[in-house]
Amino acid sequence: MQRRPLTVPELQAALEGLPGWRLHEGRLRREFRFADFSAAFAFMTRVALLAERLNHHPDWSNVYDRVTVELHTHDAGGVTAVDLEMARRIGGLA
């Protein structure tokens, strides 16, 4: 998978297929809400295992029942196809 930063038109087109995700300060961002902290933490565990398999790790935070996920490829300096794939898979885990 390519690790070159995507153009704005490429990102806009890709976001149409990624419900809940948006561009925020040059990153893909989505907030997930769960029933409680345990459900949020279980989601984070599933995402952590996915991130290890893909060797691509999100920036994220957790406050009780909310998990905020941001994706970008540090070494490419922007959002890449790898981030789009991660977003798609993370959405499937929610």
PDB file of N, CA and C in Angstrom:
ATOM      1  N   MET A   1       0.831  -1.175   0.000  1.00  0.00           N
ATOM      2  CA  MET A   1       0.000   0.000   0.000  1.00  0.00           C
ATOM      3  C   MET A   1       0.885   1.252   0.000  1.00  0.00           C
ATOM      4  N   GLN A   2       0.488   2.228  -0.799  1.00  0.00           N
ATOM      5  CA  GLN A   2       1.308   3.437  -0.927  1.00  0.00           C
ATOM      6  C   GLN A   2       1.301   4.263   0.348  1.00  0.00           C
ATOM      7  N   ARG A   3       2.445   4.853   0.627  1.00  0.00           N
ATOM      8  CA  ARG A   3       2.574   5.723   1.795  1.00  0.00           C
ATOM      9  C   ARG A   3       2.903   7.146   1.359  1.00  0.00           C
ATOM     10  N   ARG A   4       2.248   7.604   0.306  1.00  0.00           N
ATOM     11  CA  ARG A   4       2.396   8.994  -0.106  1.00  0.00           C
ATOM     12  C   ARG A   4       1.163   9.747   0.372  1.00  0.00           C
ATOM     13  N   PRO A   5       1.332  11.010   0.752  1.00  0.00           N
ATOM     14  CA  PRO A   5       0.160  11.779   1.196  1.00  0.00           C
ATOM     15  C   PRO A   5      -0.859  11.900   0.067  1.00  0.00           C
ATOM     16  N   LEU A   6      -2.120  11.732   0.408  1.00  0.00           N
ATOM     17  CA  LEU A   6      -3.192  11.871  -0.563  1.00  0.00           C
ATOM     18  C   LEU A   6      -3.515  13.337  -0.787  1.00  0.00           C
ATOM     19  N   THR A   7      -3.995  13.647  -1.973  1.00  0.00           N
ATOM     20  CA  THR A   7      -4.400  15.022  -2.287  1.00  0.00           C
ATOM     21  C   THR A   7      -5.755  15.306  -1.647  1.00  0.00           C
ATOM     22  N   VAL A   8      -6.105  16.568  -1.558  1.00  0.00           N
ATOM     23  CA  VAL A   8      -7.402  16.953  -0.991  1.00  0.00           C
ATOM     24  C   VAL A   8      -8.554  16.317  -1.770  1.00  0.00           C
ATOM     25  N   PRO A   9      -8.549  16.355  -3.114  1.00  0.00           N
ATOM     26  CA  PRO A   9      -9.639  15.682  -3.827  1.00  0.00           C
ATOM     27  C   PRO A   9      -9.704  14.178  -3.548  1.00  0.00           C
ATOM     28  N   GLU A  10      -8.552  13.521  -3.433  1.00  0.00           N
ATOM     29  CA  GLU A  10      -8.537  12.089  -3.110  1.00  0.00           C
ATOM     30  C   GLU A  10      -9.144  11.840  -1.727  1.00  0.00           C
ATOM     31  N   LEU A  11      -8.780  12.687  -0.776  1.00  0.00           N
ATOM     32  CA  LEU A  11      -9.307  12.539   0.583  1.00  0.00           C
ATOM     33  C   LEU A  11     -10.807  12.784   0.626  1.00  0.00           C
ATOM     34  N   GLN A  12     -11.261  13.821  -0.067  1.00  0.00           N
ATOM     35  CA  GLN A  12     -12.696  14.118  -0.080  1.00  0.00           C
ATOM     36  C   GLN A  12     -13.484  12.963  -0.679  1.00  0.00           C
ATOM     37  N   ALA A  13     -12.985  12.386  -1.746  1.00  0.00           N
ATOM     38  CA  ALA A  13     -13.651  11.243  -2.364  1.00  0.00           C
ATOM     39  C   ALA A  13     -13.654  10.040  -1.419  1.00  0.00           C
ATOM     40  N   ALA A  14     -12.551   9.798  -0.750  1.00  0.00           N
ATOM     41  CA  ALA A  14     -12.445   8.661   0.159  1.00  0.00           C
ATOM     42  C   ALA A  14     -13.378   8.812   1.360  1.00  0.00           C
ATOM     43  N   LEU A  15     -13.530  10.027   1.867  1.00  0.00           N
ATOM     44  CA  LEU A  15     -14.376  10.252   3.037  1.00  0.00           C
ATOM     45  C   LEU A  15     -15.837   9.915   2.773  1.00  0.00           C
ATOM     46  N   GLU A  16     -16.250   9.966   1.531  1.00  0.00           N
ATOM     47  CA  GLU A  16     -17.629   9.600   1.197  1.00  0.00           C
ATOM     48  C   GLU A  16     -17.914   8.144   1.549  1.00  0.00           C
ATOM     49  N   GLY A  17     -16.891   7.312   1.545  1.00  0.00           N
ATOM     50  CA  GLY A  17     -17.047   5.899   1.878  1.00  0.00           C
ATOM     51  C   GLY A  17     -16.648   5.552   3.299  1.00  0.00           C
ATOM     52  N   LEU A  18     -16.400   6.572   4.124  1.00  0.00           N
ATOM     53  CA  LEU A  18     -15.982   6.335   5.511  1.00  0.00           C
ATOM     54  C   LEU A  18     -16.918   7.081   6.458  1.00  0.00           C
ATOM     55  N   PRO A  19     -18.080   6.519   6.744  1.00  0.00           N
ATOM     56  CA  PRO A  19     -19.053   7.206   7.600  1.00  0.00           C
ATOM     57  C   PRO A  19     -18.471   7.585   8.955  1.00  0.00           C
ATOM     58  N   GLY A  20     -18.730   8.820   9.357  1.00  0.00           N
ATOM     59  CA  GLY A  20     -18.302   9.303  10.673  1.00  0.00           C
ATOM     60  C   GLY A  20     -16.907   9.906  10.708  1.00  0.00           C
ATOM     61  N   TRP A  21     -16.099   9.632   9.707  1.00  0.00           N
ATOM     62  CA  TRP A  21     -14.741  10.170   9.661  1.00  0.00           C
ATOM     63  C   TRP A  21     -14.757  11.539   8.995  1.00  0.00           C
ATOM     64  N   ARG A  22     -13.840  12.411   9.446  1.00  0.00           N
ATOM     65  CA  ARG A  22     -13.699  13.730   8.828  1.00  0.00           C
ATOM     66  C   ARG A  22     -12.237  14.138   8.872  1.00  0.00           C
ATOM     67  N   LEU A  23     -11.908  15.148   8.101  1.00  0.00           N
ATOM     68  CA  LEU A  23     -10.553  15.707   8.161  1.00  0.00           C
ATOM     69  C   LEU A  23     -10.499  16.736   9.270  1.00  0.00           C
ATOM     70  N   HIS A  24      -9.467  16.650  10.090  1.00  0.00           N
ATOM     71  CA  HIS A  24      -9.276  17.589  11.197  1.00  0.00           C
ATOM     72  C   HIS A  24      -7.783  17.853  11.322  1.00  0.00           C
ATOM     73  N   GLU A  25      -7.388  19.069  10.988  1.00  0.00           N
ATOM     74  CA  GLU A  25      -5.981  19.480  11.099  1.00  0.00           C
ATOM     75  C   GLU A  25      -5.048  18.495  10.392  1.00  0.00           C
ATOM     76  N   GLY A  26      -5.426  18.096   9.180  1.00  0.00           N
ATOM     77  CA  GLY A  26      -4.578  17.236   8.374  1.00  0.00           C
ATOM     78  C   GLY A  26      -4.592  15.771   8.744  1.00  0.00           C
ATOM     79  N   ARG A  27      -5.553  15.363   9.544  1.00  0.00           N
ATOM     80  CA  ARG A  27      -5.661  13.973   9.972  1.00  0.00           C
ATOM     81  C   ARG A  27      -7.090  13.491   9.781  1.00  0.00           C
ATOM     82  N   LEU A  28      -7.242  12.181   9.657  1.00  0.00           N
ATOM     83  CA  LEU A  28      -8.572  11.596   9.717  1.00  0.00           C
ATOM     84  C   LEU A  28      -8.956  11.500  11.181  1.00  0.00           C
ATOM     85  N   ARG A  29     -10.194  11.862  11.506  1.00  0.00           N
ATOM     86  CA  ARG A  29     -10.612  11.877  12.909  1.00  0.00           C
ATOM     87  C   ARG A  29     -12.048  11.358  13.033  1.00  0.00           C
ATOM     88  N   ARG A  30     -12.260  10.593  14.088  1.00  0.00           N
ATOM     89  CA  ARG A  30     -13.617  10.136  14.395  1.00  0.00           C
ATOM     90  C   ARG A  30     -13.740   9.910  15.889  1.00  0.00           C
ATOM     91  N   GLU A  31     -14.898  10.275  16.416  1.00  0.00           N
ATOM     92  CA  GLU A  31     -15.199   9.993  17.819  1.00  0.00           C
ATOM     93  C   GLU A  31     -16.227   8.873  17.880  1.00  0.00           C
ATOM     94  N   PHE A  32     -15.931   7.887  18.694  1.00  0.00           N
ATOM     95  CA  PHE A  32     -16.818   6.753  18.897  1.00  0.00           C
ATOM     96  C   PHE A  32     -17.396   6.853  20.302  1.00  0.00           C
ATOM     97  N   ARG A  33     -18.673   6.516  20.461  1.00  0.00           N
ATOM     98  CA  ARG A  33     -19.328   6.503  21.777  1.00  0.00           C
ATOM     99  C   ARG A  33     -19.824   5.092  22.057  1.00  0.00           C
ATOM    100  N   PHE A  34     -19.688   4.701  23.311  1.00  0.00           N
ATOM    101  CA  PHE A  34     -20.057   3.356  23.732  1.00  0.00           C
ATOM    102  C   PHE A  34     -20.955   3.421  24.958  1.00  0.00           C
ATOM    103  N   ALA A  35     -21.466   2.277  25.376  1.00  0.00           N
ATOM    104  CA  ALA A  35     -22.379   2.224  26.512  1.00  0.00           C
ATOM    105  C   ALA A  35     -21.697   2.635  27.815  1.00  0.00           C
ATOM    106  N   ASP A  36     -20.419   2.295  27.946  1.00  0.00           N
ATOM    107  CA  ASP A  36     -19.697   2.583  29.180  1.00  0.00           C
ATOM    108  C   ASP A  36     -18.191   2.442  28.937  1.00  0.00           C
ATOM    109  N   PHE A  37     -17.417   2.620  29.991  1.00  0.00           N
ATOM    110  CA  PHE A  37     -15.961   2.546  29.878  1.00  0.00           C
ATOM    111  C   PHE A  37     -15.495   1.167  29.427  1.00  0.00           C
ATOM    112  N   SER A  38     -16.113   0.115  29.953  1.00  0.00           N
ATOM    113  CA  SER A  38     -15.691  -1.246  29.577  1.00  0.00           C
ATOM    114  C   SER A  38     -15.859  -1.488  28.085  1.00  0.00           C
ATOM    115  N   ALA A  39     -16.957  -1.035  27.517  1.00  0.00           N
ATOM    116  CA  ALA A  39     -17.180  -1.205  26.081  1.00  0.00           C
ATOM    117  C   ALA A  39     -16.177  -0.385  25.275  1.00  0.00           C
ATOM    118  N   ALA A  40     -15.881   0.825  25.736  1.00  0.00           N
ATOM    119  CA  ALA A  40     -14.891   1.665  25.049  1.00  0.00           C
ATOM    120  C   ALA A  40     -13.511   1.016  25.105  1.00  0.00           C
ATOM    121  N   PHE A  41     -13.163   0.478  26.264  1.00  0.00           N
ATOM    122  CA  PHE A  41     -11.855  -0.151  26.416  1.00  0.00           C
ATOM    123  C   PHE A  41     -11.751  -1.419  25.576  1.00  0.00           C
ATOM    124  N   ALA A  42     -12.833  -2.184  25.480  1.00  0.00           N
ATOM    125  CA  ALA A  42     -12.833  -3.384  24.645  1.00  0.00           C
ATOM    126  C   ALA A  42     -12.594  -3.007  23.182  1.00  0.00           C
ATOM    127  N   PHE A  43     -13.225  -1.932  22.734  1.00  0.00           N
ATOM    128  CA  PHE A  43     -13.009  -1.433  21.375  1.00  0.00           C
ATOM    129  C   PHE A  43     -11.539  -1.062  21.174  1.00  0.00           C
ATOM    130  N   MET A  44     -10.962  -0.354  22.134  1.00  0.00           N
ATOM    131  CA  MET A  44      -9.563   0.046  22.024  1.00  0.00           C
ATOM    132  C   MET A  44      -8.648  -1.175  21.952  1.00  0.00           C
ATOM    133  N   THR A  45      -8.982  -2.216  22.669  1.00  0.00           N
ATOM    134  CA  THR A  45      -8.185  -3.446  22.619  1.00  0.00           C
ATOM    135  C   THR A  45      -8.236  -4.063  21.225  1.00  0.00           C
ATOM    136  N   ARG A  46      -9.432  -4.108  20.629  1.00  0.00           N
ATOM    137  CA  ARG A  46      -9.556  -4.655  19.268  1.00  0.00           C
ATOM    138  C   ARG A  46      -8.757  -3.815  18.274  1.00  0.00           C
ATOM    139  N   VAL A  47      -8.827  -2.491  18.427  1.00  0.00           N
ATOM    140  CA  VAL A  47      -8.076  -1.605  17.528  1.00  0.00           C
ATOM    141  C   VAL A  47      -6.581  -1.792  17.736  1.00  0.00           C
ATOM    142  N   ALA A  48      -6.141  -1.955  18.978  1.00  0.00           N
ATOM    143  CA  ALA A  48      -4.714  -2.154  19.253  1.00  0.00           C
ATOM    144  C   ALA A  48      -4.187  -3.409  18.571  1.00  0.00           C
ATOM    145  N   LEU A  49      -4.959  -4.480  18.601  1.00  0.00           N
ATOM    146  CA  LEU A  49      -4.541  -5.721  17.940  1.00  0.00           C
ATOM    147  C   LEU A  49      -4.477  -5.539  16.428  1.00  0.00           C
ATOM    148  N   LEU A  50      -5.437  -4.828  15.861  1.00  0.00           N
ATOM    149  CA  LEU A  50      -5.413  -4.511  14.434  1.00  0.00           C
ATOM    150  C   LEU A  50      -4.190  -3.667  14.092  1.00  0.00           C
ATOM    151  N   ALA A  51      -3.919  -2.651  14.891  1.00  0.00           N
ATOM    152  CA  ALA A  51      -2.783  -1.763  14.642  1.00  0.00           C
ATOM    153  C   ALA A  51      -1.469  -2.539  14.644  1.00  0.00           C
ATOM    154  N   GLU A  52      -1.332  -3.483  15.537  1.00  0.00           N
ATOM    155  CA  GLU A  52      -0.122  -4.301  15.576  1.00  0.00           C
ATOM    156  C   GLU A  52      -0.002  -5.152  14.319  1.00  0.00           C
ATOM    157  N   ARG A  53      -1.118  -5.748  13.884  1.00  0.00           N
ATOM    158  CA  ARG A  53      -1.081  -6.578  12.674  1.00  0.00           C
ATOM    159  C   ARG A  53      -0.687  -5.754  11.449  1.00  0.00           C
ATOM    160  N   LEU A  54      -1.200  -4.525  11.363  1.00  0.00           N
ATOM    161  CA  LEU A  54      -0.915  -3.676  10.207  1.00  0.00           C
ATOM    162  C   LEU A  54       0.340  -2.823  10.393  1.00  0.00           C
ATOM    163  N   ASN A  55       0.916  -2.862  11.594  1.00  0.00           N
ATOM    164  CA  ASN A  55       2.067  -2.017  11.930  1.00  0.00           C
ATOM    165  C   ASN A  55       1.787  -0.550  11.595  1.00  0.00           C
ATOM    166  N   HIS A  56       0.603  -0.110  11.998  1.00  0.00           N
ATOM    167  CA  HIS A  56       0.177   1.283  11.774  1.00  0.00           C
ATOM    168  C   HIS A  56      -0.701   1.678  12.954  1.00  0.00           C
ATOM    169  N   HIS A  57      -0.243   2.628  13.745  1.00  0.00           N
ATOM    170  CA  HIS A  57      -0.841   2.890  15.047  1.00  0.00           C
ATOM    171  C   HIS A  57      -1.523   4.259  15.096  1.00  0.00           C
ATOM    172  N   PRO A  58      -2.740   4.299  15.642  1.00  0.00           N
ATOM    173  CA  PRO A  58      -3.483   5.555  15.709  1.00  0.00           C
ATOM    174  C   PRO A  58      -3.003   6.441  16.854  1.00  0.00           C
ATOM    175  N   ASP A  59      -3.336   7.711  16.731  1.00  0.00           N
ATOM    176  CA  ASP A  59      -3.272   8.620  17.871  1.00  0.00           C
ATOM    177  C   ASP A  59      -4.697   8.600  18.420  1.00  0.00           C
ATOM    178  N   TRP A  60      -4.843   8.422  19.722  1.00  0.00           N
ATOM    179  CA  TRP A  60      -6.191   8.332  20.261  1.00  0.00           C
ATOM    180  C   TRP A  60      -6.253   8.746  21.709  1.00  0.00           C
ATOM    181  N   SER A  61      -7.483   8.981  22.155  1.00  0.00           N
ATOM    182  CA  SER A  61      -7.711   9.288  23.563  1.00  0.00           C
ATOM    183  C   SER A  61      -9.027   8.649  23.978  1.00  0.00           C
ATOM    184  N   ASN A  62      -9.155   8.432  25.276  1.00  0.00           N
ATOM    185  CA  ASN A  62     -10.354   7.811  25.832  1.00  0.00           C
ATOM    186  C   ASN A  62     -10.788   8.589  27.055  1.00  0.00           C
ATOM    187  N   VAL A  63     -12.060   8.964  27.091  1.00  0.00           N
ATOM    188  CA  VAL A  63     -12.673   9.545  28.277  1.00  0.00           C
ATOM    189  C   VAL A  63     -13.978   8.795  28.504  1.00  0.00           C
ATOM    190  N   TYR A  64     -14.000   7.995  29.524  1.00  0.00           N
ATOM    191  CA  TYR A  64     -15.119   7.151  29.919  1.00  0.00           C
ATOM    192  C   TYR A  64     -15.714   6.366  28.747  1.00  0.00           C
ATOM    193  N   ASP A  65     -16.804   6.851  28.142  1.00  0.00           N
ATOM    194  CA  ASP A  65     -17.487   6.085  27.090  1.00  0.00           C
ATOM    195  C   ASP A  65     -17.148   6.559  25.681  1.00  0.00           C
ATOM    196  N   ARG A  66     -16.148   7.440  25.559  1.00  0.00           N
ATOM    197  CA  ARG A  66     -15.777   7.998  24.261  1.00  0.00           C
ATOM    198  C   ARG A  66     -14.335   7.661  23.913  1.00  0.00           C
ATOM    199  N   VAL A  67     -14.130   7.345  22.650  1.00  0.00           N
ATOM    200  CA  VAL A  67     -12.778   7.118  22.126  1.00  0.00           C
ATOM    201  C   VAL A  67     -12.639   7.994  20.889  1.00  0.00           C
ATOM    202  N   THR A  68     -11.640   8.856  20.882  1.00  0.00           N
ATOM    203  CA  THR A  68     -11.350   9.685  19.722  1.00  0.00           C
ATOM    204  C   THR A  68     -10.120   9.122  19.041  1.00  0.00           C
ATOM    205  N   VAL A  69     -10.243   8.874  17.737  1.00  0.00           N
ATOM    206  CA  VAL A  69      -9.165   8.268  16.962  1.00  0.00           C
ATOM    207  C   VAL A  69      -8.738   9.246  15.877  1.00  0.00           C
ATOM    208  N   GLU A  70      -7.434   9.441  15.745  1.00  0.00           N
ATOM    209  CA  GLU A  70      -6.868  10.236  14.659  1.00  0.00           C
ATOM    210  C   GLU A  70      -5.855   9.382  13.918  1.00  0.00           C
ATOM    211  N   LEU A  71      -5.903   9.482  12.595  1.00  0.00           N
ATOM    212  CA  LEU A  71      -5.007   8.700  11.751  1.00  0.00           C
ATOM    213  C   LEU A  71      -4.261   9.597  10.783  1.00  0.00           C
ATOM    214  N   HIS A  72      -2.978   9.383  10.702  1.00  0.00           N
ATOM    215  CA  HIS A  72      -2.136   9.969   9.657  1.00  0.00           C
ATOM    216  C   HIS A  72      -0.828   9.187   9.665  1.00  0.00           C
ATOM    217  N   THR A  73      -0.107   9.278   8.576  1.00  0.00           N
ATOM    218  CA  THR A  73       1.149   8.543   8.465  1.00  0.00           C
ATOM    219  C   THR A  73       2.290   9.510   8.744  1.00  0.00           C
ATOM    220  N   HIS A  74       2.903   9.360   9.911  1.00  0.00           N
ATOM    221  CA  HIS A  74       3.935  10.286  10.360  1.00  0.00           C
ATOM    222  C   HIS A  74       5.054  10.451   9.335  1.00  0.00           C
ATOM    223  N   ASP A  75       5.596   9.331   8.856  1.00  0.00           N
ATOM    224  CA  ASP A  75       6.758   9.429   7.970  1.00  0.00           C
ATOM    225  C   ASP A  75       6.412   9.956   6.581  1.00  0.00           C
ATOM    226  N   ALA A  76       5.132   9.955   6.209  1.00  0.00           N
ATOM    227  CA  ALA A  76       4.724  10.507   4.912  1.00  0.00           C
ATOM    228  C   ALA A  76       4.278  11.965   5.042  1.00  0.00           C
ATOM    229  N   GLY A  77       4.028  12.393   6.258  1.00  0.00           N
ATOM    230  CA  GLY A  77       3.624  13.774   6.477  1.00  0.00           C
ATOM    231  C   GLY A  77       2.192  14.078   6.090  1.00  0.00           C
ATOM    232  N   GLY A  78       1.317  13.080   6.174  1.00  0.00           N
ATOM    233  CA  GLY A  78      -0.089  13.309   5.848  1.00  0.00           C
ATOM    234  C   GLY A  78      -0.886  12.026   5.878  1.00  0.00           C
ATOM    235  N   VAL A  79      -2.100  12.115   5.380  1.00  0.00           N
ATOM    236  CA  VAL A  79      -2.991  10.964   5.315  1.00  0.00           C
ATOM    237  C   VAL A  79      -2.674  10.173   4.052  1.00  0.00           C
ATOM    238  N   THR A  80      -2.519   8.864   4.200  1.00  0.00           N
ATOM    239  CA  THR A  80      -2.171   7.979   3.087  1.00  0.00           C
ATOM    240  C   THR A  80      -3.241   6.896   2.933  1.00  0.00           C
ATOM    241  N   ALA A  81      -3.064   6.055   1.930  1.00  0.00           N
ATOM    242  CA  ALA A  81      -3.973   4.927   1.712  1.00  0.00           C
ATOM    243  C   ALA A  81      -3.986   3.993   2.916  1.00  0.00           C
ATOM    244  N   VAL A  82      -2.890   3.903   3.626  1.00  0.00           N
ATOM    245  CA  VAL A  82      -2.829   3.061   4.832  1.00  0.00           C
ATOM    246  C   VAL A  82      -3.804   3.584   5.883  1.00  0.00           C
ATOM    247  N   ASP A  83      -3.880   4.899   6.025  1.00  0.00           N
ATOM    248  CA  ASP A  83      -4.808   5.493   6.986  1.00  0.00           C
ATOM    249  C   ASP A  83      -6.255   5.226   6.589  1.00  0.00           C
ATOM    250  N   LEU A  84      -6.538   5.298   5.293  1.00  0.00           N
ATOM    251  CA  LEU A  84      -7.890   5.007   4.820  1.00  0.00           C
ATOM    252  C   LEU A  84      -8.277   3.567   5.137  1.00  0.00           C
ATOM    253  N   GLU A  85      -7.354   2.651   4.934  1.00  0.00           N
ATOM    254  CA  GLU A  85      -7.616   1.246   5.243  1.00  0.00           C
ATOM    255  C   GLU A  85      -7.833   1.051   6.738  1.00  0.00           C
ATOM    256  N   MET A  86      -7.015   1.698   7.551  1.00  0.00           N
ATOM    257  CA  MET A  86      -7.193   1.619   9.007  1.00  0.00           C
ATOM    258  C   MET A  86      -8.554   2.168   9.402  1.00  0.00           C
ATOM    259  N   ALA A  87      -8.941   3.307   8.844  1.00  0.00           N
ATOM    260  CA  ALA A  87     -10.233   3.911   9.170  1.00  0.00           C
ATOM    261  C   ALA A  87     -11.368   2.956   8.812  1.00  0.00           C
ATOM    262  N   ARG A  88     -11.282   2.349   7.652  1.00  0.00           N
ATOM    263  CA  ARG A  88     -12.319   1.410   7.217  1.00  0.00           C
ATOM    264  C   ARG A  88     -12.415   0.235   8.191  1.00  0.00           C
ATOM    265  N   ARG A  89     -11.281  -0.313   8.570  1.00  0.00           N
ATOM    266  CA  ARG A  89     -11.275  -1.468   9.467  1.00  0.00           C
ATOM    267  C   ARG A  89     -11.717  -1.085  10.891  1.00  0.00           C
ATOM    268  N   ILE A  90     -11.282   0.077  11.356  1.00  0.00           N
ATOM    269  CA  ILE A  90     -11.683   0.534  12.690  1.00  0.00           C
ATOM    270  C   ILE A  90     -13.195   0.738  12.735  1.00  0.00           C
ATOM    271  N   GLY A  91     -13.735   1.334  11.675  1.00  0.00           N
ATOM    272  CA  GLY A  91     -15.172   1.508  11.603  1.00  0.00           C
ATOM    273  C   GLY A  91     -15.909   0.182  11.697  1.00  0.00           C
ATOM    274  N   GLY A  92     -15.340  -0.847  11.112  1.00  0.00           N
ATOM    275  CA  GLY A  92     -15.928  -2.169  11.171  1.00  0.00           C
ATOM    276  C   GLY A  92     -15.873  -2.805  12.552  1.00  0.00           C
ATOM    277  N   LEU A  93     -14.959  -2.353  13.391  1.00  0.00           N
ATOM    278  CA  LEU A  93     -14.815  -2.889  14.728  1.00  0.00           C
ATOM    279  C   LEU A  93     -15.763  -2.234  15.743  1.00  0.00           C
ATOM    280  N   ALA A  94     -16.274  -1.075  15.391  1.00  0.00           N
ATOM    281  CA  ALA A  94     -17.056  -0.281  16.345  1.00  0.00           C
ATOM    282  C   ALA A  94     -18.426  -0.887  16.623  1.00  0.00           C
TER     283      ALA A  94
END
